[in-house]
Amino acid sequence: MTRGRWHVVAVLVGIVAVLAAVGASAEAGYGRTDGTSATATVRVGVVYSRTGLLSAYGAEYIQGLKLGLQYATKGTNTVGGKRIQLTLVDDATDAAKAVTATKDLIGQGYKIIVGTTSSGNALQLAPLAQQNRVLYISGPAAVDAITGMNRYTFRSGRQSYQDTLAAKEILGRGVGRKITVFAQDTAFGQGNVAAVRNVFGTRGHTVSSILVPASANDFTPFAQQAKNANPDLLYVAWAGTSAPAMWRALEQQRVLGSVKVTTGLAERATWGSFPTGIDFLSHYVSNAPKNKVNTWLVNQMRRRNQAPDLFTPDGFNAGLMLARAIGRGGGTDVDRMISALEGWQFVGPKGLNRIRQQDHALLQPMFQVRLRTVNGRPQAVPVKTFSPGNLQPPVTPFK
């Protein structure tokens, strides 16, 4: 073979090798994650509840975030030649502190903010994202108003409307005419009241509410109100460390057992405080989804004698979304990062997710579960999976 022909063959072989490497490293659409030395560092501000009422949720979220990045970058924490550096800031579940922290991070030049755990806090941060043209990916905050807030704001978890649609699927026709929502007087609680009215109130049901101050310690008067309301269905929407005391008050006032109750299954630490006989709607329990991402997550945490909890997948999704945005937008071009996320379909711990382009709702599966006691400990038993297509909140165009 002549020297010229050898040269052509060598070039072709080189091109094939490069294309193969690019194809392998672009798995899941994140960008290059092959361990190549980073040419720059992308700083990501993480505002979350390390302390405060929702600190348990914050811990789950952060652990999931780090594991999601580990999964997406194959352990390198690098994508598209950029090393991802997380700056963690505690908002103490306080909106004013969350706003101050976010403004400080933006002032330092951060183009990406993720978090928070609190719905009220997230509602304060989303407008800041638009005003300063930074990418914001909210955390476990479930309030519906985050969806469609602005094109700079995304969410990595579910929203209250999806909870309520899952409850509707579970209850079927056995709802009754009279529904009372028992919730905290917070953005999360008020959002649940609105979602229940939108889903059930439009179908001929009468919906009322009992809103409990977030600072309350004695829940007896509110449990008595629930008993006096005598609803056909008590829809309980609760978050934080006060849940066990709230359930005790409902039990002591003999609300439980006399009224049909539906609620979301909270984090593992609270399972022992729930009454029996409830079919729970579930955002996530680790033994419900069947996919390779969830299997990887469960195995990783098992090695540490841990298990994924309620909001671990929200953090994990945020890690996947960060890798996607930075891999396609470099961490500095906010418009390109937004375009990379809009319409993106990916598998997270819960299963198949899709970011709806029109309003950035995160379409995702939900679950029905029951609790049973095994060797003196409560365990979640998955009953049914509800597909994302059956749980779509109404489209909320950007303001």
Protein backbone atom coordinates (compact mmCIF):
# COMPACT_ATOMS: atom_id res chain seq x y z
CA MET A 1 0.00 0.00 0.00
CA THR A 2 1.36 3.44 -0.87
CA ARG A 3 2.26 5.98 1.76
CA GLY A 4 -0.66 8.23 0.70
CA ARG A 5 -3.19 5.45 1.06
CA TRP A 6 -1.76 4.54 4.49
CA HIS A 7 -2.24 8.17 5.49
CA VAL A 8 -5.94 8.14 4.44
CA VAL A 9 -6.60 4.93 6.39
CA ALA A 10 -4.93 6.36 9.49
CA VAL A 11 -7.06 9.50 9.33
CA LEU A 12 -10.27 7.48 8.93
CA VAL A 13 -9.38 5.26 11.89
CA GLY A 14 -8.70 8.34 13.97
CA ILE A 15 -12.08 9.88 13.07
CA VAL A 16 -13.92 6.66 13.97
CA ALA A 17 -12.13 6.52 17.33
CA VAL A 18 -13.03 10.12 18.14
CA LEU A 19 -16.68 9.61 17.20
CA ALA A 20 -16.87 6.48 19.34
CA ALA A 21 -15.41 8.32 22.31
CA VAL A 22 -17.86 11.20 21.89
CA GLY A 23 -20.81 8.81 21.63
CA ALA A 24 -19.80 6.93 24.76
CA SER A 25 -19.22 10.06 26.81
CA ALA A 26 -22.50 11.73 25.83
CA GLU A 27 -24.61 9.07 27.60
CA ALA A 28 -27.96 10.41 28.83
CA GLY A 29 -27.31 13.70 27.03
CA TYR A 30 -25.24 15.37 29.75
CA GLY A 31 -22.09 16.12 27.73
CA ARG A 32 -18.55 14.84 28.18
CA THR A 33 -18.13 13.06 31.54
CA ASP A 34 -14.99 11.11 30.74
CA GLY A 35 -12.69 12.55 33.37
CA THR A 36 -10.91 15.00 31.04
CA SER A 37 -9.11 17.69 33.00
CA ALA A 38 -11.47 20.56 33.65
CA THR A 39 -10.62 23.84 31.96
CA ALA A 40 -12.78 25.85 34.37
CA THR A 41 -14.91 25.58 37.47
CA VAL A 42 -18.66 26.20 37.48
CA ARG A 43 -19.89 27.40 40.85
CA VAL A 44 -23.41 26.38 41.88
CA GLY A 45 -25.11 28.02 44.84
CA VAL A 46 -27.19 25.61 46.95
CA VAL A 47 -29.67 27.31 49.30
CA TYR A 48 -31.39 24.77 51.53
CA SER A 49 -32.66 24.01 55.04
CA ARG A 50 -29.68 22.61 56.91
CA THR A 51 -31.47 23.78 60.07
CA GLY A 52 -35.03 24.81 60.87
CA LEU A 53 -38.42 23.16 60.56
CA LEU A 54 -37.55 21.34 57.32
CA SER A 55 -33.96 20.36 58.14
CA ALA A 56 -34.68 16.64 57.69
CA TYR A 57 -35.88 17.33 54.15
CA GLY A 58 -32.82 19.47 53.50
CA ALA A 59 -30.49 16.65 54.50
CA GLU A 60 -32.24 14.23 52.13
CA TYR A 61 -32.09 16.77 49.31
CA ILE A 62 -28.37 17.46 49.69
CA GLN A 63 -27.47 13.78 49.82
CA GLY A 64 -29.53 13.16 46.69
CA LEU A 65 -27.95 16.14 44.92
CA LYS A 66 -24.43 14.85 45.49
CA LEU A 67 -25.35 11.33 44.41
CA GLY A 68 -27.14 12.63 41.32
CA LEU A 69 -24.02 14.50 40.27
CA GLN A 70 -21.93 11.41 40.98
CA TYR A 71 -24.21 9.34 38.76
CA ALA A 72 -24.39 11.86 35.92
CA THR A 73 -20.64 12.55 35.82
CA LYS A 74 -19.49 8.97 36.52
CA GLY A 75 -17.90 10.13 39.75
CA THR A 76 -15.76 12.89 38.20
CA ASN A 77 -17.98 15.86 39.15
CA THR A 78 -16.94 17.16 35.75
CA VAL A 79 -19.04 17.63 32.63
CA GLY A 80 -18.20 19.31 29.32
CA GLY A 81 -14.71 20.00 30.62
CA LYS A 82 -16.14 22.00 33.56
CA ARG A 83 -15.75 20.99 37.18
CA ILE A 84 -18.90 21.53 39.26
CA GLN A 85 -18.34 23.16 42.64
CA LEU A 86 -21.24 23.31 45.12
CA THR A 87 -21.46 26.17 47.63
CA LEU A 88 -23.89 25.16 50.41
CA VAL A 89 -25.78 27.88 52.30
CA ASP A 90 -28.26 27.28 55.12
CA ASP A 91 -31.50 29.29 54.91
CA ALA A 92 -32.75 27.83 58.24
CA THR A 93 -36.19 27.40 56.58
CA ASP A 94 -36.53 31.19 56.69
CA ALA A 95 -37.52 33.16 53.60
CA ALA A 96 -35.59 36.32 54.52
CA LYS A 97 -32.39 34.32 55.01
CA ALA A 98 -32.96 32.49 51.73
CA VAL A 99 -33.33 35.78 49.86
CA THR A 100 -30.23 37.27 51.49
CA ALA A 101 -28.16 34.19 50.70
CA THR A 102 -29.32 34.09 47.08
CA LYS A 103 -28.64 37.80 46.52
CA ASP A 104 -25.16 37.32 47.98
CA LEU A 105 -24.42 34.38 45.68
CA ILE A 106 -25.69 36.26 42.63
CA GLY A 107 -23.58 39.25 43.65
CA GLN A 108 -20.53 36.97 43.65
CA GLY A 109 -21.26 36.03 40.04
CA TYR A 110 -23.09 32.71 40.47
CA LYS A 111 -25.21 31.90 37.41
CA ILE A 112 -26.90 28.80 38.87
CA ILE A 113 -28.88 28.53 42.12
CA VAL A 114 -30.57 25.34 43.35
CA GLY A 115 -32.91 24.73 46.32
CA THR A 116 -34.83 25.41 48.51
CA THR A 117 -36.70 22.98 50.71
CA SER A 118 -39.46 25.42 51.68
CA SER A 119 -42.28 26.42 49.33
CA GLY A 120 -42.44 29.91 50.82
CA ASN A 121 -38.72 30.38 50.26
CA ALA A 122 -38.87 29.14 46.67
CA LEU A 123 -41.59 31.66 45.87
CA GLN A 124 -39.17 34.40 46.95
CA LEU A 125 -36.20 33.05 44.99
CA ALA A 126 -37.91 32.46 41.64
CA PRO A 127 -38.47 36.20 40.94
CA LEU A 128 -34.81 36.87 41.81
CA ALA A 129 -33.80 34.39 39.12
CA GLN A 130 -35.72 36.33 36.50
CA GLN A 131 -34.57 39.73 37.71
CA ASN A 132 -30.91 38.69 37.61
CA ARG A 133 -31.13 36.27 34.66
CA VAL A 134 -29.73 33.25 36.48
CA LEU A 135 -30.83 29.63 36.27
CA TYR A 136 -32.86 28.51 39.28
CA ILE A 137 -33.80 24.87 39.97
CA SER A 138 -36.06 24.64 43.01
CA GLY A 139 -35.88 21.69 45.39
CA PRO A 140 -38.57 19.78 47.34
CA ALA A 141 -40.77 22.91 47.48
CA ALA A 142 -44.17 21.63 46.28
CA VAL A 143 -46.19 24.81 45.87
CA ASP A 144 -47.86 24.90 42.44
CA ALA A 145 -47.09 28.58 41.85
CA ILE A 146 -43.44 27.77 41.08
CA THR A 147 -44.58 26.14 37.84
CA GLY A 148 -44.88 28.82 35.16
CA MET A 149 -43.35 31.48 37.42
CA ASN A 150 -40.79 32.48 34.75
CA ARG A 151 -38.54 30.86 32.13
CA TYR A 152 -35.51 30.99 34.46
CA THR A 153 -37.18 28.76 37.07
CA PHE A 154 -37.39 24.96 37.01
CA ARG A 155 -38.30 22.38 39.63
CA SER A 156 -36.64 19.08 40.53
CA GLY A 157 -39.55 17.67 42.57
CA ARG A 158 -43.29 17.20 42.35
CA GLN A 159 -45.97 19.81 42.96
CA SER A 160 -49.13 19.79 45.07
CA TYR A 161 -51.44 19.38 42.08
CA GLN A 162 -49.73 16.06 41.28
CA ASP A 163 -50.24 14.95 44.89
CA THR A 164 -53.93 15.75 44.63
CA LEU A 165 -54.37 13.99 41.29
CA ALA A 166 -52.72 10.90 42.79
CA ALA A 167 -55.16 11.09 45.73
CA LYS A 168 -58.06 11.30 43.27
CA GLU A 169 -56.82 8.15 41.53
CA ILE A 170 -56.58 6.33 44.87
CA LEU A 171 -59.96 7.44 46.20
CA GLY A 172 -61.90 6.83 43.00
CA ARG A 173 -65.59 7.42 43.66
CA GLY A 174 -65.30 6.90 47.43
CA VAL A 175 -64.69 10.53 48.31
CA GLY A 176 -68.03 11.74 49.61
CA ARG A 177 -69.42 15.22 49.13
CA LYS A 178 -67.76 17.09 51.97
CA ILE A 179 -63.95 17.48 52.06
CA THR A 180 -61.90 19.29 54.70
CA VAL A 181 -58.23 20.06 54.09
CA PHE A 182 -56.20 19.98 57.31
CA ALA A 183 -52.88 21.74 56.69
CA GLN A 184 -50.34 24.24 57.96
CA ASP A 185 -50.91 27.92 57.25
CA THR A 186 -47.91 28.13 54.93
CA ALA A 187 -47.39 28.42 51.19
CA PHE A 188 -47.33 24.61 51.08
CA GLY A 189 -50.57 24.24 53.04
CA GLN A 190 -52.38 26.98 51.15
CA GLY A 191 -51.21 25.45 47.88
CA ASN A 192 -52.75 22.13 48.88
CA VAL A 193 -56.08 23.80 49.68
CA ALA A 194 -56.06 25.40 46.22
CA ALA A 195 -55.14 22.11 44.52
CA VAL A 196 -57.89 20.16 46.31
CA ARG A 197 -60.44 22.83 45.35
CA ASN A 198 -59.28 22.75 41.73
CA VAL A 199 -59.36 18.95 41.49
CA PHE A 200 -62.31 18.00 43.70
CA GLY A 201 -64.26 21.25 43.99
CA THR A 202 -64.88 21.29 40.25
CA ARG A 203 -66.47 17.83 40.50
CA GLY A 204 -69.31 18.78 42.81
CA HIS A 205 -67.54 18.38 46.18
CA THR A 206 -67.62 21.01 48.92
CA VAL A 207 -64.09 21.87 50.07
CA SER A 208 -63.28 23.68 53.32
CA SER A 209 -60.01 24.08 55.17
CA ILE A 210 -58.49 24.17 58.63
CA LEU A 211 -55.14 25.97 58.49
CA VAL A 212 -52.85 25.57 61.49
CA PRO A 213 -50.15 28.17 62.26
CA ALA A 214 -46.70 26.79 61.44
CA SER A 215 -45.53 27.85 64.92
CA ALA A 216 -48.25 25.88 66.73
CA ASN A 217 -47.24 23.27 69.32
CA ASP A 218 -50.67 22.34 70.68
CA PHE A 219 -52.80 20.80 67.94
CA THR A 220 -55.76 19.79 70.11
CA PRO A 221 -57.96 22.82 69.26
CA PHE A 222 -57.43 22.24 65.54
CA ALA A 223 -58.11 18.52 65.82
CA GLN A 224 -61.35 19.42 67.60
CA GLN A 225 -62.26 21.70 64.70
CA ALA A 226 -61.67 18.79 62.30
CA LYS A 227 -63.98 16.59 64.38
CA ASN A 228 -66.69 19.25 64.50
CA ALA A 229 -66.48 19.75 60.73
CA ASN A 230 -67.59 16.11 60.33
CA PRO A 231 -66.28 15.78 56.75
CA ASP A 232 -66.67 12.76 54.50
CA LEU A 233 -62.95 13.04 53.76
CA LEU A 234 -60.14 14.67 55.75
CA TYR A 235 -57.28 15.56 53.39
CA VAL A 236 -54.15 16.07 55.52
CA ALA A 237 -51.22 18.02 54.03
CA TRP A 238 -48.36 18.37 56.52
CA ALA A 239 -44.62 18.95 56.45
CA GLY A 240 -41.87 19.01 59.04
CA THR A 241 -41.02 17.69 62.47
CA SER A 242 -44.40 18.47 64.08
CA ALA A 243 -46.20 15.71 62.15
CA PRO A 244 -46.15 13.07 64.95
CA ALA A 245 -47.72 15.50 67.46
CA MET A 246 -50.35 16.49 64.88
CA TRP A 247 -51.35 12.85 64.27
CA ARG A 248 -51.53 12.17 68.02
CA ALA A 249 -53.92 15.10 68.44
CA LEU A 250 -56.20 13.81 65.67
CA GLU A 251 -56.16 10.37 67.28
CA GLN A 252 -56.83 11.68 70.79
CA GLN A 253 -59.82 13.69 69.54
CA ARG A 254 -61.12 10.52 67.86
CA VAL A 255 -61.03 12.02 64.40
CA LEU A 256 -59.18 9.01 63.07
CA GLY A 257 -61.40 6.01 62.65
CA SER A 258 -64.55 8.11 62.39
CA VAL A 259 -63.56 9.97 59.20
CA LYS A 260 -61.96 8.75 55.98
CA VAL A 261 -58.41 10.17 55.80
CA THR A 262 -56.03 10.58 52.91
CA THR A 263 -52.52 12.02 53.07
CA GLY A 264 -49.08 11.76 51.59
CA LEU A 265 -46.61 9.34 53.13
CA ALA A 266 -43.86 11.45 54.68
CA GLU A 267 -40.23 10.59 55.48
CA ARG A 268 -39.30 7.24 57.07
CA ALA A 269 -38.82 8.69 60.55
CA THR A 270 -42.55 9.49 60.73
CA TRP A 271 -43.94 6.14 59.58
CA GLY A 272 -44.47 4.87 63.10
CA SER A 273 -46.71 7.84 63.93
CA PHE A 274 -49.27 7.19 61.17
CA PRO A 275 -52.60 5.58 61.98
CA THR A 276 -53.53 2.28 60.37
CA GLY A 277 -55.89 1.83 57.45
CA ILE A 278 -54.67 4.63 55.18
CA ASP A 279 -53.96 4.23 51.48
CA PHE A 280 -51.21 6.79 51.08
CA LEU A 281 -50.32 8.77 48.04
CA SER A 282 -46.55 8.70 47.81
CA HIS A 283 -44.05 11.01 46.15
CA TYR A 284 -41.38 8.31 46.57
CA VAL A 285 -40.49 5.20 48.53
CA SER A 286 -37.32 3.42 47.50
CA ASN A 287 -38.93 0.01 46.81
CA ALA A 288 -41.63 1.32 44.44
CA PRO A 289 -39.77 2.38 41.25
CA LYS A 290 -38.18 -0.30 39.06
CA ASN A 291 -35.43 1.25 36.94
CA LYS A 292 -31.64 1.20 36.75
CA VAL A 293 -31.21 4.69 38.23
CA ASN A 294 -33.17 3.84 41.37
CA THR A 295 -31.33 0.52 41.67
CA TRP A 296 -28.01 2.37 41.51
CA LEU A 297 -29.16 4.87 44.14
CA VAL A 298 -30.44 2.19 46.52
CA ASN A 299 -27.22 0.19 46.17
CA GLN A 300 -25.01 3.23 46.74
CA MET A 301 -26.81 4.16 49.93
CA ARG A 302 -27.01 0.57 51.16
CA ARG A 303 -23.21 0.50 51.21
CA ARG A 304 -23.45 3.27 53.84
CA ASN A 305 -26.19 1.43 55.77
CA GLN A 306 -28.68 4.04 54.56
CA ALA A 307 -31.75 4.12 52.36
CA PRO A 308 -33.14 6.82 50.05
CA ASP A 309 -35.88 8.86 51.69
CA LEU A 310 -38.75 11.07 50.60
CA PHE A 311 -36.79 13.91 49.02
CA THR A 312 -33.62 12.08 47.99
CA PRO A 313 -34.91 11.89 44.37
CA ASP A 314 -35.53 15.66 44.26
CA GLY A 315 -31.86 16.27 44.98
CA PHE A 316 -30.84 13.48 42.60
CA ASN A 317 -32.92 15.03 39.80
CA ALA A 318 -31.30 18.40 40.48
CA GLY A 319 -27.89 16.75 40.04
CA LEU A 320 -28.95 15.28 36.69
CA MET A 321 -30.40 18.62 35.60
CA LEU A 322 -27.21 20.46 36.58
CA ALA A 323 -25.08 18.06 34.56
CA ARG A 324 -27.38 18.48 31.56
CA ALA A 325 -27.47 22.29 31.77
CA ILE A 326 -23.73 22.72 32.33
CA GLY A 327 -22.82 20.08 29.75
CA ARG A 328 -24.86 21.88 27.09
CA GLY A 329 -24.57 25.49 28.25
CA GLY A 330 -21.15 25.63 29.86
CA GLY A 331 -22.42 26.93 33.19
CA THR A 332 -22.35 30.57 32.07
CA ASP A 333 -24.70 30.85 29.08
CA VAL A 334 -28.03 30.89 30.90
CA ASP A 335 -30.16 30.93 27.75
CA ARG A 336 -28.42 27.81 26.43
CA MET A 337 -28.80 26.07 29.79
CA ILE A 338 -32.53 26.86 29.80
CA SER A 339 -32.89 25.50 26.26
CA ALA A 340 -31.03 22.34 27.27
CA LEU A 341 -33.55 21.63 30.05
CA GLU A 342 -36.79 22.59 28.31
CA GLY A 343 -38.53 19.51 26.98
CA TRP A 344 -35.79 17.22 28.31
CA GLN A 345 -36.90 13.68 29.10
CA PHE A 346 -34.81 11.64 31.51
CA VAL A 347 -34.93 8.71 33.92
CA GLY A 348 -34.52 9.65 37.57
CA PRO A 349 -34.97 7.50 40.69
CA LYS A 350 -38.78 7.68 40.40
CA GLY A 351 -38.77 6.70 36.74
CA LEU A 352 -39.37 8.65 33.54
CA ASN A 353 -39.52 12.44 33.95
CA ARG A 354 -40.17 15.17 31.41
CA ILE A 355 -39.69 18.91 31.80
CA ARG A 356 -42.70 20.49 30.11
CA GLN A 357 -41.47 23.24 27.85
CA GLN A 358 -44.47 25.56 28.23
CA ASP A 359 -44.16 26.09 32.01
CA HIS A 360 -41.32 23.84 33.29
CA ALA A 361 -43.64 21.51 35.20
CA LEU A 362 -41.77 18.29 35.98
CA LEU A 363 -44.04 15.47 34.80
CA GLN A 364 -43.30 12.32 36.79
CA PRO A 365 -44.84 9.15 38.25
CA MET A 366 -46.46 8.97 41.68
CA PHE A 367 -47.31 5.97 43.84
CA GLN A 368 -49.95 4.44 46.10
CA VAL A 369 -48.56 2.65 49.15
CA ARG A 370 -49.69 1.09 52.43
CA LEU A 371 -47.83 0.62 55.68
CA ARG A 372 -47.47 -2.72 57.41
CA THR A 373 -45.54 -3.72 60.53
CA VAL A 374 -42.77 -6.29 60.13
CA ASN A 375 -40.77 -7.33 63.22
CA GLY A 376 -42.09 -4.31 65.05
CA ARG A 377 -41.08 -1.84 62.34
CA PRO A 378 -43.28 -0.11 59.75
CA GLN A 379 -42.56 -0.91 56.11
CA ALA A 380 -44.00 0.64 52.96
CA VAL A 381 -45.75 -1.73 50.57
CA PRO A 382 -46.17 -0.35 47.03
CA VAL A 383 -49.68 -0.87 45.66
CA LYS A 384 -49.80 1.02 42.38
CA THR A 385 -47.77 3.35 40.16
CA PHE A 386 -49.51 6.28 38.48
CA SER A 387 -47.99 7.30 35.15
CA PRO A 388 -46.89 10.89 34.50
CA GLY A 389 -49.48 11.27 31.75
CA ASN A 390 -52.34 10.82 34.24
CA LEU A 391 -50.94 13.36 36.69
CA GLN A 392 -50.39 16.43 34.54
CA PRO A 393 -51.15 19.74 36.22
CA PRO A 394 -52.80 22.40 34.03
CA VAL A 395 -50.36 24.32 31.84
CA THR A 396 -49.46 27.65 33.43
CA PRO A 397 -47.86 29.92 30.79
CA PHE A 398 -45.03 32.14 31.95
CA LYS A 399 -46.13 35.48 33.27
